[in-house]
């Protein structure tokens, strides 16, 4: 793949996350200066809720950070496959 194809020209990011995302929420816009940062984070959010949020958005930027899984049972790996 050509390197130019890997460059993000529309500097926008959407973050969907759980309580760990809540902790980083106030810092991301400052850390990503020049980027449009949209976030949907909530304490105790489970994976399936995050998937629903992403699916319901309609359009997404080129960069999506999906930071979930902390609250799901690690023995139920099938939820990560569905």
C-alpha atoms as a PDB file:
ATOM      1  CA  UNK A   1       0.000   0.000   0.000  1.00  0.00           C
ATOM      2  CA  UNK A   2       1.206   3.477  -0.882  1.00  0.00           C
ATOM      3  CA  UNK A   3       2.138   5.516   2.213  1.00  0.00           C
ATOM      4  CA  UNK A   4      -0.030   8.431   1.023  1.00  0.00           C
ATOM      5  CA  UNK A   5      -3.068   6.197   1.308  1.00  0.00           C
ATOM      6  CA  UNK A   6      -2.365   5.841   5.046  1.00  0.00           C
ATOM      7  CA  UNK A   7      -2.365   9.576   5.762  1.00  0.00           C
ATOM      8  CA  UNK A   8      -5.500  10.819   7.468  1.00  0.00           C
ATOM      9  CA  UNK A   9      -6.431  14.013   5.691  1.00  0.00           C
ATOM     10  CA  UNK A  10      -9.692  14.672   7.548  1.00  0.00           C
ATOM     11  CA  UNK A  11      -8.348  15.074  11.058  1.00  0.00           C
ATOM     12  CA  UNK A  12     -11.405  13.835  12.927  1.00  0.00           C
ATOM     13  CA  UNK A  13     -11.693  11.032  15.463  1.00  0.00           C
ATOM     14  CA  UNK A  14     -14.655   9.406  17.190  1.00  0.00           C
ATOM     15  CA  UNK A  15     -14.031   7.674  20.520  1.00  0.00           C
ATOM     16  CA  UNK A  16     -16.508   5.223  22.008  1.00  0.00           C
ATOM     17  CA  UNK A  17     -15.512   3.897  25.402  1.00  0.00           C
ATOM     18  CA  UNK A  18     -16.238   2.959  28.981  1.00  0.00           C
ATOM     19  CA  UNK A  19     -15.006   4.409  32.281  1.00  0.00           C
ATOM     20  CA  UNK A  20     -11.421   4.415  31.025  1.00  0.00           C
ATOM     21  CA  UNK A  21     -12.620   6.721  28.262  1.00  0.00           C
ATOM     22  CA  UNK A  22     -14.295   8.884  30.892  1.00  0.00           C
ATOM     23  CA  UNK A  23     -10.872   9.336  32.448  1.00  0.00           C
ATOM     24  CA  UNK A  24      -9.224  10.424  29.202  1.00  0.00           C
ATOM     25  CA  UNK A  25     -12.121  12.517  27.884  1.00  0.00           C
ATOM     26  CA  UNK A  26     -10.944  15.895  29.215  1.00  0.00           C
ATOM     27  CA  UNK A  27      -7.406  15.356  27.910  1.00  0.00           C
ATOM     28  CA  UNK A  28      -7.922  14.081  24.359  1.00  0.00           C
ATOM     29  CA  UNK A  29      -8.836  17.384  22.688  1.00  0.00           C
ATOM     30  CA  UNK A  30      -5.687  19.008  24.073  1.00  0.00           C
ATOM     31  CA  UNK A  31      -3.523  16.013  23.189  1.00  0.00           C
ATOM     32  CA  UNK A  32      -4.949  15.921  19.670  1.00  0.00           C
ATOM     33  CA  UNK A  33      -4.668  19.590  18.777  1.00  0.00           C
ATOM     34  CA  UNK A  34      -5.851  20.236  15.254  1.00  0.00           C
ATOM     35  CA  UNK A  35      -8.234  17.273  15.370  1.00  0.00           C
ATOM     36  CA  UNK A  36     -12.005  17.331  15.695  1.00  0.00           C
ATOM     37  CA  UNK A  37     -12.586  14.972  18.641  1.00  0.00           C
ATOM     38  CA  UNK A  38     -16.046  13.458  19.211  1.00  0.00           C
ATOM     39  CA  UNK A  39     -16.525  11.193  22.197  1.00  0.00           C
ATOM     40  CA  UNK A  40     -19.207   8.906  23.553  1.00  0.00           C
ATOM     41  CA  UNK A  41     -17.949   7.470  26.813  1.00  0.00           C
ATOM     42  CA  UNK A  42     -19.794   6.197  29.873  1.00  0.00           C
ATOM     43  CA  UNK A  43     -19.032   4.419  33.099  1.00  0.00           C
ATOM     44  CA  UNK A  44     -19.988   0.717  33.079  1.00  0.00           C
ATOM     45  CA  UNK A  45     -20.531   0.620  29.314  1.00  0.00           C
ATOM     46  CA  UNK A  46     -20.501  -2.857  27.829  1.00  0.00           C
ATOM     47  CA  UNK A  47     -19.292  -3.889  24.406  1.00  0.00           C
ATOM     48  CA  UNK A  48     -22.742  -4.402  22.873  1.00  0.00           C
ATOM     49  CA  UNK A  49     -23.817  -0.877  23.815  1.00  0.00           C
ATOM     50  CA  UNK A  50     -20.720   0.557  22.146  1.00  0.00           C
ATOM     51  CA  UNK A  51     -21.381  -1.441  18.981  1.00  0.00           C
ATOM     52  CA  UNK A  52     -24.948  -0.068  18.902  1.00  0.00           C
ATOM     53  CA  UNK A  53     -23.643   3.486  19.267  1.00  0.00           C
ATOM     54  CA  UNK A  54     -21.205   3.071  16.380  1.00  0.00           C
ATOM     55  CA  UNK A  55     -23.853   1.456  14.155  1.00  0.00           C
ATOM     56  CA  UNK A  56     -26.385   4.211  14.873  1.00  0.00           C
ATOM     57  CA  UNK A  57     -24.042   7.095  14.009  1.00  0.00           C
ATOM     58  CA  UNK A  58     -24.721   6.968  10.303  1.00  0.00           C
ATOM     59  CA  UNK A  59     -21.352   8.289   9.222  1.00  0.00           C
ATOM     60  CA  UNK A  60     -18.020   7.934  10.937  1.00  0.00           C
ATOM     61  CA  UNK A  61     -14.712   9.730  10.536  1.00  0.00           C
ATOM     62  CA  UNK A  62     -11.726   7.846   9.132  1.00  0.00           C
ATOM     63  CA  UNK A  63     -10.387   7.296  12.659  1.00  0.00           C
ATOM     64  CA  UNK A  64     -12.512   5.474  15.247  1.00  0.00           C
ATOM     65  CA  UNK A  65     -11.196   4.493  18.665  1.00  0.00           C
ATOM     66  CA  UNK A  66     -13.202   1.614  20.111  1.00  0.00           C
ATOM     67  CA  UNK A  67     -12.053   1.358  23.736  1.00  0.00           C
ATOM     68  CA  UNK A  68     -14.390  -1.173  25.300  1.00  0.00           C
ATOM     69  CA  UNK A  69     -14.244  -4.606  26.873  1.00  0.00           C
ATOM     70  CA  UNK A  70     -13.205  -3.748  30.415  1.00  0.00           C
ATOM     71  CA  UNK A  71     -16.689  -4.465  31.782  1.00  0.00           C
ATOM     72  CA  UNK A  72     -17.345  -7.648  29.817  1.00  0.00           C
ATOM     73  CA  UNK A  73     -16.685 -11.102  31.256  1.00  0.00           C
ATOM     74  CA  UNK A  74     -13.289 -12.175  29.864  1.00  0.00           C
ATOM     75  CA  UNK A  75     -14.521 -15.789  29.738  1.00  0.00           C
ATOM     76  CA  UNK A  76     -17.271 -14.791  27.279  1.00  0.00           C
ATOM     77  CA  UNK A  77     -15.002 -14.157  24.295  1.00  0.00           C
ATOM     78  CA  UNK A  78     -17.878 -14.859  21.906  1.00  0.00           C
ATOM     79  CA  UNK A  79     -19.226 -11.327  22.500  1.00  0.00           C
ATOM     80  CA  UNK A  80     -16.094  -9.996  20.835  1.00  0.00           C
ATOM     81  CA  UNK A  81     -16.720 -12.087  17.739  1.00  0.00           C
ATOM     82  CA  UNK A  82     -20.367 -11.174  17.172  1.00  0.00           C
END
